[in-house]
């Protein structure tokens, strides 16, 4: 089954994207992660960051996000650390 807006996508693809988008809109931890990810990806695309630097940051950010979601890191500290 497919969506009228995205005929080449399955319901599973569209649903998972919507779920992620909703999570980013409603959860400040995920919203912060998404914005930082996009900023760092743009640095990589503009050749201001190497692929290895981006991958290293991405692993760090995912780990930090998971700790924040689990309540192991204060949001203010998470926000400061992920934007570095």
PDB file of N, CA and C in Angstrom:
ATOM      1  N   UNK A   1       0.840  -1.170   0.000  1.00  0.00           N
ATOM      2  CA  UNK A   1       0.000   0.000   0.000  1.00  0.00           C
ATOM      3  C   UNK A   1       0.887   1.236   0.000  1.00  0.00           C
ATOM      4  N   UNK A   2       0.484   2.298  -0.659  1.00  0.00           N
ATOM      5  CA  UNK A   2       1.315   3.498  -0.739  1.00  0.00           C
ATOM      6  C   UNK A   2       0.494   4.751  -0.494  1.00  0.00           C
ATOM      7  N   UNK A   3       1.195   5.805  -0.215  1.00  0.00           N
ATOM      8  CA  UNK A   3       0.581   7.101   0.038  1.00  0.00           C
ATOM      9  C   UNK A   3       0.458   7.872  -1.277  1.00  0.00           C
ATOM     10  N   UNK A   4      -0.529   8.746  -1.383  1.00  0.00           N
ATOM     11  CA  UNK A   4      -0.689   9.558  -2.593  1.00  0.00           C
ATOM     12  C   UNK A   4       0.485  10.505  -2.778  1.00  0.00           C
ATOM     13  N   UNK A   5       1.039  11.009  -1.651  1.00  0.00           N
ATOM     14  CA  UNK A   5       2.158  11.944  -1.717  1.00  0.00           C
ATOM     15  C   UNK A   5       3.459  11.251  -2.106  1.00  0.00           C
ATOM     16  N   UNK A   6       3.595  10.003  -1.703  1.00  0.00           N
ATOM     17  CA  UNK A   6       4.831   9.268  -1.954  1.00  0.00           C
ATOM     18  C   UNK A   6       4.488   7.885  -2.514  1.00  0.00           C
ATOM     19  N   UNK A   7       4.163   7.812  -3.804  1.00  0.00           N
ATOM     20  CA  UNK A   7       3.702   6.544  -4.379  1.00  0.00           C
ATOM     21  C   UNK A   7       4.733   5.422  -4.373  1.00  0.00           C
ATOM     22  N   UNK A   8       6.017   5.750  -4.301  1.00  0.00           N
ATOM     23  CA  UNK A   8       7.045   4.709  -4.317  1.00  0.00           C
ATOM     24  C   UNK A   8       7.405   4.208  -2.920  1.00  0.00           C
ATOM     25  N   UNK A   9       6.759   4.748  -1.893  1.00  0.00           N
ATOM     26  CA  UNK A   9       7.052   4.357  -0.512  1.00  0.00           C
ATOM     27  C   UNK A   9       5.959   3.417   0.004  1.00  0.00           C
ATOM     28  N   UNK A  10       6.361   2.481   0.846  1.00  0.00           N
ATOM     29  CA  UNK A  10       5.389   1.586   1.460  1.00  0.00           C
ATOM     30  C   UNK A  10       4.823   2.256   2.709  1.00  0.00           C
ATOM     31  N   UNK A  11       3.747   1.715   3.227  1.00  0.00           N
ATOM     32  CA  UNK A  11       3.159   2.241   4.462  1.00  0.00           C
ATOM     33  C   UNK A  11       4.173   2.172   5.600  1.00  0.00           C
ATOM     34  N   UNK A  12       4.954   1.114   5.610  1.00  0.00           N
ATOM     35  CA  UNK A  12       5.966   0.946   6.656  1.00  0.00           C
ATOM     36  C   UNK A  12       6.986   2.084   6.595  1.00  0.00           C
ATOM     37  N   UNK A  13       7.424   2.439   5.379  1.00  0.00           N
ATOM     38  CA  UNK A  13       8.393   3.532   5.215  1.00  0.00           C
ATOM     39  C   UNK A  13       7.799   4.868   5.657  1.00  0.00           C
ATOM     40  N   UNK A  14       6.600   5.140   5.199  1.00  0.00           N
ATOM     41  CA  UNK A  14       5.944   6.403   5.515  1.00  0.00           C
ATOM     42  C   UNK A  14       5.644   6.475   7.013  1.00  0.00           C
ATOM     43  N   UNK A  15       5.162   5.391   7.578  1.00  0.00           N
ATOM     44  CA  UNK A  15       4.817   5.363   9.002  1.00  0.00           C
ATOM     45  C   UNK A  15       6.018   5.546   9.895  1.00  0.00           C
ATOM     46  N   UNK A  16       7.138   4.918   9.551  1.00  0.00           N
ATOM     47  CA  UNK A  16       8.333   5.055  10.384  1.00  0.00           C
ATOM     48  C   UNK A  16       8.867   6.482  10.317  1.00  0.00           C
ATOM     49  N   UNK A  17       8.783   7.105   9.161  1.00  0.00           N
ATOM     50  CA  UNK A  17       9.231   8.499   9.030  1.00  0.00           C
ATOM     51  C   UNK A  17       8.330   9.422   9.842  1.00  0.00           C
ATOM     52  N   UNK A  18       7.024   9.203   9.767  1.00  0.00           N
ATOM     53  CA  UNK A  18       6.088  10.030  10.551  1.00  0.00           C
ATOM     54  C   UNK A  18       6.311   9.846  12.042  1.00  0.00           C
ATOM     55  N   UNK A  19       6.560   8.614  12.456  1.00  0.00           N
ATOM     56  CA  UNK A  19       6.819   8.335  13.871  1.00  0.00           C
ATOM     57  C   UNK A  19       8.073   9.089  14.331  1.00  0.00           C
ATOM     58  N   UNK A  20       9.127   9.051  13.523  1.00  0.00           N
ATOM     59  CA  UNK A  20      10.365   9.765  13.854  1.00  0.00           C
ATOM     60  C   UNK A  20      10.118  11.273  13.905  1.00  0.00           C
ATOM     61  N   UNK A  21       9.404  11.799  12.917  1.00  0.00           N
ATOM     62  CA  UNK A  21       9.100  13.238  12.896  1.00  0.00           C
ATOM     63  C   UNK A  21       8.292  13.656  14.112  1.00  0.00           C
ATOM     64  N   UNK A  22       7.300  12.843  14.501  1.00  0.00           N
ATOM     65  CA  UNK A  22       6.501  13.144  15.693  1.00  0.00           C
ATOM     66  C   UNK A  22       7.369  13.136  16.946  1.00  0.00           C
ATOM     67  N   UNK A  23       8.274  12.176  17.023  1.00  0.00           N
ATOM     68  CA  UNK A  23       9.172  12.077  18.168  1.00  0.00           C
ATOM     69  C   UNK A  23      10.040  13.334  18.256  1.00  0.00           C
ATOM     70  N   UNK A  24      10.523  13.802  17.107  1.00  0.00           N
ATOM     71  CA  UNK A  24      11.372  14.994  17.083  1.00  0.00           C
ATOM     72  C   UNK A  24      10.594  16.256  17.446  1.00  0.00           C
ATOM     73  N   UNK A  25       9.320  16.305  17.093  1.00  0.00           N
ATOM     74  CA  UNK A  25       8.507  17.475  17.414  1.00  0.00           C
ATOM     75  C   UNK A  25       8.127  17.526  18.887  1.00  0.00           C
ATOM     76  N   UNK A  26       7.898  16.367  19.493  1.00  0.00           N
ATOM     77  CA  UNK A  26       7.337  16.313  20.839  1.00  0.00           C
ATOM     78  C   UNK A  26       8.333  16.038  21.955  1.00  0.00           C
ATOM     79  N   UNK A  27       9.546  15.666  21.613  1.00  0.00           N
ATOM     80  CA  UNK A  27      10.544  15.333  22.630  1.00  0.00           C
ATOM     81  C   UNK A  27      11.753  16.245  22.461  1.00  0.00           C
ATOM     82  N   UNK A  28      12.051  17.103  23.443  1.00  0.00           N
ATOM     83  CA  UNK A  28      13.169  18.039  23.286  1.00  0.00           C
ATOM     84  C   UNK A  28      14.522  17.354  23.129  1.00  0.00           C
ATOM     85  N   UNK A  29      14.680  16.168  23.681  1.00  0.00           N
ATOM     86  CA  UNK A  29      15.950  15.440  23.524  1.00  0.00           C
ATOM     87  C   UNK A  29      16.141  15.048  22.061  1.00  0.00           C
ATOM     88  N   UNK A  30      15.109  14.468  21.456  1.00  0.00           N
ATOM     89  CA  UNK A  30      15.190  14.062  20.052  1.00  0.00           C
ATOM     90  C   UNK A  30      15.272  15.279  19.130  1.00  0.00           C
ATOM     91  N   UNK A  31      14.565  16.345  19.465  1.00  0.00           N
ATOM     92  CA  UNK A  31      14.602  17.562  18.656  1.00  0.00           C
ATOM     93  C   UNK A  31      16.023  18.142  18.642  1.00  0.00           C
ATOM     94  N   UNK A  32      16.654  18.184  19.801  1.00  0.00           N
ATOM     95  CA  UNK A  32      18.024  18.689  19.906  1.00  0.00           C
ATOM     96  C   UNK A  32      18.981  17.801  19.117  1.00  0.00           C
ATOM     97  N   UNK A  33      18.820  16.486  19.251  1.00  0.00           N
ATOM     98  CA  UNK A  33      19.666  15.544  18.509  1.00  0.00           C
ATOM     99  C   UNK A  33      19.512  15.753  17.005  1.00  0.00           C
ATOM    100  N   UNK A  34      18.289  15.869  16.531  1.00  0.00           N
ATOM    101  CA  UNK A  34      18.021  16.012  15.106  1.00  0.00           C
ATOM    102  C   UNK A  34      18.651  17.293  14.555  1.00  0.00           C
ATOM    103  N   UNK A  35      18.509  18.388  15.284  1.00  0.00           N
ATOM    104  CA  UNK A  35      19.099  19.657  14.837  1.00  0.00           C
ATOM    105  C   UNK A  35      20.626  19.577  14.807  1.00  0.00           C
ATOM    106  N   UNK A  36      21.218  19.003  15.848  1.00  0.00           N
ATOM    107  CA  UNK A  36      22.675  18.874  15.895  1.00  0.00           C
ATOM    108  C   UNK A  36      23.165  17.959  14.777  1.00  0.00           C
ATOM    109  N   UNK A  37      22.438  16.871  14.523  1.00  0.00           N
ATOM    110  CA  UNK A  37      22.816  15.947  13.455  1.00  0.00           C
ATOM    111  C   UNK A  37      22.818  16.667  12.113  1.00  0.00           C
ATOM    112  N   UNK A  38      21.768  17.421  11.849  1.00  0.00           N
ATOM    113  CA  UNK A  38      21.676  18.144  10.579  1.00  0.00           C
ATOM    114  C   UNK A  38      22.802  19.166  10.441  1.00  0.00           C
ATOM    115  N   UNK A  39      23.136  19.850  11.532  1.00  0.00           N
ATOM    116  CA  UNK A  39      24.213  20.843  11.495  1.00  0.00           C
ATOM    117  C   UNK A  39      25.554  20.169  11.212  1.00  0.00           C
ATOM    118  N   UNK A  40      25.820  19.058  11.868  1.00  0.00           N
ATOM    119  CA  UNK A  40      27.086  18.364  11.654  1.00  0.00           C
ATOM    120  C   UNK A  40      27.139  17.723  10.263  1.00  0.00           C
ATOM    121  N   UNK A  41      26.021  17.225   9.782  1.00  0.00           N
ATOM    122  CA  UNK A  41      25.980  16.656   8.438  1.00  0.00           C
ATOM    123  C   UNK A  41      26.271  17.743   7.393  1.00  0.00           C
ATOM    124  N   UNK A  42      25.743  18.932   7.621  1.00  0.00           N
ATOM    125  CA  UNK A  42      26.008  20.047   6.704  1.00  0.00           C
ATOM    126  C   UNK A  42      27.493  20.390   6.699  1.00  0.00           C
ATOM    127  N   UNK A  43      28.130  20.333   7.862  1.00  0.00           N
ATOM    128  CA  UNK A  43      29.579  20.577   7.924  1.00  0.00           C
ATOM    129  C   UNK A  43      30.334  19.542   7.095  1.00  0.00           C
ATOM    130  N   UNK A  44      29.902  18.301   7.203  1.00  0.00           N
ATOM    131  CA  UNK A  44      30.527  17.238   6.414  1.00  0.00           C
ATOM    132  C   UNK A  44      30.324  17.495   4.911  1.00  0.00           C
ATOM    133  N   UNK A  45      29.115  17.844   4.521  1.00  0.00           N
ATOM    134  CA  UNK A  45      28.810  18.068   3.108  1.00  0.00           C
ATOM    135  C   UNK A  45      29.596  19.258   2.544  1.00  0.00           C
ATOM    136  N   UNK A  46      29.871  20.244   3.364  1.00  0.00           N
ATOM    137  CA  UNK A  46      30.620  21.421   2.918  1.00  0.00           C
ATOM    138  C   UNK A  46      32.126  21.233   3.074  1.00  0.00           C
ATOM    139  N   UNK A  47      32.527  20.001   3.379  1.00  0.00           N
ATOM    140  CA  UNK A  47      33.943  19.632   3.511  1.00  0.00           C
ATOM    141  C   UNK A  47      34.636  20.341   4.675  1.00  0.00           C
ATOM    142  N   UNK A  48      33.859  20.765   5.688  1.00  0.00           N
ATOM    143  CA  UNK A  48      34.439  21.369   6.884  1.00  0.00           C
ATOM    144  C   UNK A  48      34.704  20.300   7.944  1.00  0.00           C
ATOM    145  N   UNK A  49      34.302  19.071   7.621  1.00  0.00           N
ATOM    146  CA  UNK A  49      34.456  17.947   8.534  1.00  0.00           C
ATOM    147  C   UNK A  49      34.664  16.705   7.673  1.00  0.00           C
ATOM    148  N   UNK A  50      35.580  15.832   8.079  1.00  0.00           N
ATOM    149  CA  UNK A  50      35.808  14.602   7.307  1.00  0.00           C
ATOM    150  C   UNK A  50      34.743  13.567   7.663  1.00  0.00           C
ATOM    151  N   UNK A  51      34.645  12.536   6.842  1.00  0.00           N
ATOM    152  CA  UNK A  51      33.673  11.478   7.100  1.00  0.00           C
ATOM    153  C   UNK A  51      33.985  10.783   8.415  1.00  0.00           C
ATOM    154  N   UNK A  52      35.260  10.576   8.713  1.00  0.00           N
ATOM    155  CA  UNK A  52      35.605   9.906   9.969  1.00  0.00           C
ATOM    156  C   UNK A  52      35.259  10.782  11.170  1.00  0.00           C
ATOM    157  N   UNK A  53      35.451  12.094  11.056  1.00  0.00           N
ATOM    158  CA  UNK A  53      35.068  13.011  12.142  1.00  0.00           C
ATOM    159  C   UNK A  53      33.555  12.996  12.331  1.00  0.00           C
ATOM    160  N   UNK A  54      32.826  12.987  11.209  1.00  0.00           N
ATOM    161  CA  UNK A  54      31.367  12.962  11.291  1.00  0.00           C
ATOM    162  C   UNK A  54      30.874  11.667  11.917  1.00  0.00           C
ATOM    163  N   UNK A  55      31.439  10.540  11.506  1.00  0.00           N
ATOM    164  CA  UNK A  55      31.023   9.245  12.063  1.00  0.00           C
ATOM    165  C   UNK A  55      31.346   9.165  13.556  1.00  0.00           C
ATOM    166  N   UNK A  56      32.489   9.686  13.946  1.00  0.00           N
ATOM    167  CA  UNK A  56      32.866   9.702  15.367  1.00  0.00           C
ATOM    168  C   UNK A  56      31.872  10.550  16.155  1.00  0.00           C
ATOM    169  N   UNK A  57      31.550  11.746  15.630  1.00  0.00           N
ATOM    170  CA  UNK A  57      30.584  12.608  16.306  1.00  0.00           C
ATOM    171  C   UNK A  57      29.213  11.918  16.360  1.00  0.00           C
ATOM    172  N   UNK A  58      28.815  11.284  15.284  1.00  0.00           N
ATOM    173  CA  UNK A  58      27.509  10.630  15.216  1.00  0.00           C
ATOM    174  C   UNK A  58      27.370   9.539  16.277  1.00  0.00           C
ATOM    175  N   UNK A  59      28.416   8.726  16.450  1.00  0.00           N
ATOM    176  CA  UNK A  59      28.385   7.694  17.492  1.00  0.00           C
ATOM    177  C   UNK A  59      28.304   8.320  18.879  1.00  0.00           C
ATOM    178  N   UNK A  60      29.082   9.385  19.100  1.00  0.00           N
ATOM    179  CA  UNK A  60      29.058  10.105  20.364  1.00  0.00           C
ATOM    180  C   UNK A  60      27.659  10.668  20.630  1.00  0.00           C
ATOM    181  N   UNK A  61      27.069  11.306  19.625  1.00  0.00           N
ATOM    182  CA  UNK A  61      25.758  11.938  19.774  1.00  0.00           C
ATOM    183  C   UNK A  61      24.665  10.911  20.044  1.00  0.00           C
ATOM    184  N   UNK A  62      24.711   9.780  19.370  1.00  0.00           N
ATOM    185  CA  UNK A  62      23.715   8.728  19.593  1.00  0.00           C
ATOM    186  C   UNK A  62      23.809   8.187  21.018  1.00  0.00           C
ATOM    187  N   UNK A  63      25.026   7.973  21.470  1.00  0.00           N
ATOM    188  CA  UNK A  63      25.237   7.485  22.829  1.00  0.00           C
ATOM    189  C   UNK A  63      24.747   8.506  23.856  1.00  0.00           C
ATOM    190  N   UNK A  64      25.084   9.759  23.627  1.00  0.00           N
ATOM    191  CA  UNK A  64      24.659  10.828  24.539  1.00  0.00           C
ATOM    192  C   UNK A  64      23.135  10.954  24.554  1.00  0.00           C
ATOM    193  N   UNK A  65      22.516  10.868  23.378  1.00  0.00           N
ATOM    194  CA  UNK A  65      21.053  10.939  23.275  1.00  0.00           C
ATOM    195  C   UNK A  65      20.408   9.801  24.063  1.00  0.00           C
ATOM    196  N   UNK A  66      20.943   8.602  23.913  1.00  0.00           N
ATOM    197  CA  UNK A  66      20.390   7.448  24.622  1.00  0.00           C
ATOM    198  C   UNK A  66      20.503   7.620  26.136  1.00  0.00           C
ATOM    199  N   UNK A  67      21.625   8.180  26.597  1.00  0.00           N
ATOM    200  CA  UNK A  67      21.793   8.435  28.028  1.00  0.00           C
ATOM    201  C   UNK A  67      20.797   9.478  28.512  1.00  0.00           C
ATOM    202  N   UNK A  68      20.567  10.510  27.713  1.00  0.00           N
ATOM    203  CA  UNK A  68      19.615  11.558  28.084  1.00  0.00           C
ATOM    204  C   UNK A  68      18.187  11.003  28.139  1.00  0.00           C
ATOM    205  N   UNK A  69      17.832  10.168  27.176  1.00  0.00           N
ATOM    206  CA  UNK A  69      16.499   9.552  27.162  1.00  0.00           C
ATOM    207  C   UNK A  69      16.307   8.672  28.395  1.00  0.00           C
ATOM    208  N   UNK A  70      17.374   7.987  28.808  1.00  0.00           N
ATOM    209  CA  UNK A  70      17.311   7.108  29.984  1.00  0.00           C
ATOM    210  C   UNK A  70      17.366   7.892  31.298  1.00  0.00           C
ATOM    211  N   UNK A  71      17.592   9.206  31.221  1.00  0.00           N
ATOM    212  CA  UNK A  71      17.632  10.029  32.423  1.00  0.00           C
ATOM    213  C   UNK A  71      18.980  10.039  33.126  1.00  0.00           C
ATOM    214  N   UNK A  72      20.013   9.552  32.458  1.00  0.00           N
ATOM    215  CA  UNK A  72      21.347   9.493  33.063  1.00  0.00           C
ATOM    216  C   UNK A  72      22.115  10.808  32.897  1.00  0.00           C
ATOM    217  N   UNK A  73      21.638  11.675  31.993  1.00  0.00           N
ATOM    218  CA  UNK A  73      22.286  12.966  31.737  1.00  0.00           C
ATOM    219  C   UNK A  73      21.227  14.056  31.843  1.00  0.00           C
ATOM    220  N   UNK A  74      21.554  15.124  32.547  1.00  0.00           N
ATOM    221  CA  UNK A  74      20.674  16.283  32.675  1.00  0.00           C
ATOM    222  C   UNK A  74      20.503  16.933  31.294  1.00  0.00           C
ATOM    223  N   UNK A  75      19.298  17.448  31.005  1.00  0.00           N
ATOM    224  CA  UNK A  75      19.033  18.017  29.681  1.00  0.00           C
ATOM    225  C   UNK A  75      19.959  19.186  29.362  1.00  0.00           C
ATOM    226  N   UNK A  76      20.214  20.057  30.320  1.00  0.00           N
ATOM    227  CA  UNK A  76      21.084  21.215  30.072  1.00  0.00           C
ATOM    228  C   UNK A  76      22.489  20.760  29.675  1.00  0.00           C
ATOM    229  N   UNK A  77      23.002  19.746  30.360  1.00  0.00           N
ATOM    230  CA  UNK A  77      24.324  19.220  30.034  1.00  0.00           C
ATOM    231  C   UNK A  77      24.310  18.539  28.672  1.00  0.00           C
ATOM    232  N   UNK A  78      23.259  17.788  28.402  1.00  0.00           N
ATOM    233  CA  UNK A  78      23.090  17.124  27.105  1.00  0.00           C
ATOM    234  C   UNK A  78      23.083  18.150  25.978  1.00  0.00           C
ATOM    235  N   UNK A  79      22.304  19.205  26.164  1.00  0.00           N
ATOM    236  CA  UNK A  79      22.179  20.249  25.158  1.00  0.00           C
ATOM    237  C   UNK A  79      23.530  20.891  24.871  1.00  0.00           C
ATOM    238  N   UNK A  80      24.291  21.180  25.919  1.00  0.00           N
ATOM    239  CA  UNK A  80      25.608  21.798  25.749  1.00  0.00           C
ATOM    240  C   UNK A  80      26.584  20.845  25.061  1.00  0.00           C
ATOM    241  N   UNK A  81      26.596  19.580  25.486  1.00  0.00           N
ATOM    242  CA  UNK A  81      27.558  18.616  24.954  1.00  0.00           C
ATOM    243  C   UNK A  81      27.292  18.243  23.494  1.00  0.00           C
ATOM    244  N   UNK A  82      26.035  18.085  23.130  1.00  0.00           N
ATOM    245  CA  UNK A  82      25.723  17.603  21.776  1.00  0.00           C
ATOM    246  C   UNK A  82      25.988  18.667  20.719  1.00  0.00           C
ATOM    247  N   UNK A  83      26.006  19.903  21.115  1.00  0.00           N
ATOM    248  CA  UNK A  83      26.208  20.988  20.141  1.00  0.00           C
ATOM    249  C   UNK A  83      27.659  21.303  19.894  1.00  0.00           C
ATOM    250  N   UNK A  84      28.568  20.623  20.558  1.00  0.00           N
ATOM    251  CA  UNK A  84      30.008  20.891  20.396  1.00  0.00           C
ATOM    252  C   UNK A  84      30.502  20.415  19.051  1.00  0.00           C
TER     253      UNK A  84
END
